[in-house]
Amino acid sequence: MHLRDEQPLDEQALNLTSMTDLVFLLLVFFLCATTFLDPERALELELPAAQSGERRQVESEELVINVSREGSFALGGRTLDAAALQRELRAAAARDPQTPITIRGDRLVHHEDIVRVMDACGQAGLVNLAVGTLEGS
């Protein structure tokens, strides 16, 4: 009993159109659903609260320096030592001495570490500084 016609192997084809459509649909979905993190804000810091101060508009050329409670520095998503931070700040000052700098220090960080960053900015010639805090309740 012969139930179906057998096609030769060279005439059989696998239709992948549906699979390709599904893969591209999933790709678009994940691209839209992904939250894009700012590398400067990705570091987990507990900022101190402030009762006064003004909100600063984030500018595209702004440099954000994060200081962790262990005293390490991060700039542009990279962890830097004090010498590397100084080099980066000098390079930024050479491009534009008015580059805005925001220093975000964990609320448990030693003041000495924040002062070291401010001093490094001053030595590089950068004077447009701000300290990142949370709004007080």
Protein backbone atom coordinates (compact mmCIF):
# COMPACT_ATOMS: atom_id res chain seq x y z
CA MET A 1 0.00 0.00 0.00
CA HIS A 2 1.45 3.33 -1.09
CA LEU A 3 0.19 6.25 1.07
CA ARG A 4 2.18 9.27 -0.11
CA ASP A 5 4.51 10.24 -2.83
CA GLU A 6 8.12 10.45 -1.82
CA GLN A 7 9.96 13.43 -3.26
CA PRO A 8 13.63 13.13 -4.04
CA LEU A 9 15.90 14.76 -1.46
CA ASP A 10 17.09 17.49 -3.81
CA GLU A 11 13.52 18.74 -4.30
CA GLN A 12 12.71 18.91 -0.58
CA ALA A 13 13.20 22.32 0.97
CA LEU A 14 12.81 23.67 4.46
CA ASN A 15 10.78 26.88 4.56
CA LEU A 16 12.37 29.15 7.18
CA THR A 17 10.38 32.28 6.42
CA SER A 18 8.18 31.95 9.50
CA MET A 19 11.16 31.26 11.72
CA THR A 20 13.02 34.30 10.37
CA ASP A 21 9.98 36.50 10.95
CA LEU A 22 9.71 35.26 14.51
CA VAL A 23 13.40 35.87 15.24
CA PHE A 24 13.20 39.45 13.96
CA LEU A 25 10.00 40.05 15.91
CA LEU A 26 11.68 38.84 19.12
CA LEU A 27 14.72 40.99 18.37
CA VAL A 28 12.57 44.10 17.97
CA PHE A 29 10.63 43.26 21.12
CA PHE A 30 13.76 42.90 23.25
CA LEU A 31 15.28 46.07 21.83
CA CYS A 32 12.14 48.00 22.75
CA ALA A 33 11.72 46.36 26.15
CA THR A 34 15.33 46.82 27.27
CA THR A 35 15.99 49.67 29.64
CA PHE A 36 19.11 51.50 28.64
CA LEU A 37 21.16 52.43 31.69
CA ASP A 38 23.36 55.46 31.85
CA PRO A 39 26.77 54.07 32.85
CA GLU A 40 27.24 56.98 35.24
CA ARG A 41 24.03 56.17 37.07
CA ALA A 42 24.50 52.40 37.01
CA LEU A 43 26.79 52.38 40.04
CA GLU A 44 24.81 51.66 43.19
CA LEU A 45 25.27 54.72 45.39
CA GLU A 46 23.22 55.98 48.30
CA LEU A 47 23.40 59.72 47.77
CA PRO A 48 23.03 62.04 50.76
CA ALA A 49 19.85 64.09 51.06
CA ALA A 50 19.93 67.89 50.89
CA GLN A 51 17.26 70.31 52.11
CA SER A 52 18.36 73.08 49.76
CA GLY A 53 19.99 73.41 46.39
CA GLU A 54 18.85 73.68 42.83
CA ARG A 55 18.21 71.04 40.24
CA ARG A 56 20.86 71.02 37.55
CA GLN A 57 19.99 70.15 33.97
CA VAL A 58 22.08 67.23 32.73
CA GLU A 59 24.16 68.29 29.77
CA SER A 60 25.47 65.94 27.13
CA GLU A 61 29.12 66.90 27.70
CA GLU A 62 28.82 66.68 31.48
CA LEU A 63 31.27 64.43 33.29
CA VAL A 64 29.88 62.46 36.23
CA ILE A 65 32.42 61.17 38.73
CA ASN A 66 31.13 58.50 41.11
CA VAL A 67 32.88 57.92 44.43
CA SER A 68 31.99 54.64 46.13
CA ARG A 69 31.98 54.07 49.87
CA GLU A 70 35.24 52.13 49.42
CA GLY A 71 36.82 55.28 47.97
CA SER A 72 37.11 54.11 44.37
CA PHE A 73 36.40 56.48 41.49
CA ALA A 74 34.33 55.76 38.38
CA LEU A 75 34.11 57.91 35.27
CA GLY A 76 32.33 56.89 32.10
CA GLY A 77 31.51 53.47 33.50
CA ARG A 78 35.19 52.71 34.17
CA THR A 79 36.80 52.39 37.59
CA LEU A 80 39.88 54.58 37.84
CA ASP A 81 42.64 55.16 40.35
CA ALA A 82 43.57 58.72 41.38
CA ALA A 83 46.29 59.10 38.73
CA ALA A 84 44.05 57.89 35.89
CA LEU A 85 41.25 60.19 37.09
CA GLN A 86 43.67 63.12 37.04
CA ARG A 87 44.69 62.29 33.44
CA GLU A 88 41.04 62.10 32.33
CA LEU A 89 40.26 65.43 34.00
CA ARG A 90 43.24 67.13 32.35
CA ALA A 91 42.12 65.81 28.96
CA ALA A 92 38.60 67.14 29.60
CA ALA A 93 39.99 70.53 30.63
CA ALA A 94 42.06 70.67 27.44
CA ARG A 95 38.89 70.15 25.39
CA ASP A 96 36.77 72.64 27.36
CA PRO A 97 37.70 74.24 30.70
CA GLN A 98 34.00 74.93 31.37
CA THR A 99 33.04 71.25 31.17
CA PRO A 100 30.39 70.67 33.86
CA ILE A 101 31.42 68.11 36.48
CA THR A 102 29.02 66.36 38.85
CA ILE A 103 30.55 64.50 41.78
CA ARG A 104 28.27 61.76 43.08
CA GLY A 105 29.52 60.39 46.39
CA ASP A 106 27.90 57.67 48.43
CA ARG A 107 26.46 59.04 51.67
CA LEU A 108 28.90 56.85 53.63
CA VAL A 109 31.99 57.95 51.69
CA HIS A 110 34.73 59.79 53.58
CA HIS A 111 34.76 63.52 52.90
CA GLU A 112 38.45 63.19 52.14
CA ASP A 113 37.64 61.23 48.96
CA ILE A 114 35.21 63.91 47.73
CA VAL A 115 37.79 66.62 48.48
CA ARG A 116 40.42 64.64 46.55
CA VAL A 117 38.14 64.65 43.49
CA MET A 118 37.42 68.36 43.87
CA ASP A 119 41.13 69.05 44.24
CA ALA A 120 41.91 66.97 41.13
CA CYS A 121 39.31 68.98 39.19
CA GLY A 122 40.84 72.25 40.40
CA GLN A 123 44.37 71.14 39.49
CA ALA A 124 43.14 70.20 36.01
CA GLY A 125 41.53 73.63 35.61
CA LEU A 126 37.91 72.51 35.83
CA VAL A 127 35.84 74.81 38.04
CA ASN A 128 32.23 74.12 36.99
CA LEU A 129 31.54 71.61 39.79
CA ALA A 130 28.37 70.30 41.39
CA VAL A 131 27.76 67.67 44.07
CA GLY A 132 25.01 65.14 43.41
CA THR A 133 22.47 64.70 46.21
CA LEU A 134 18.90 63.51 46.67
CA GLU A 135 16.12 65.97 47.37
CA GLY A 136 15.35 66.16 51.08
CA SER A 137 11.98 65.01 52.36
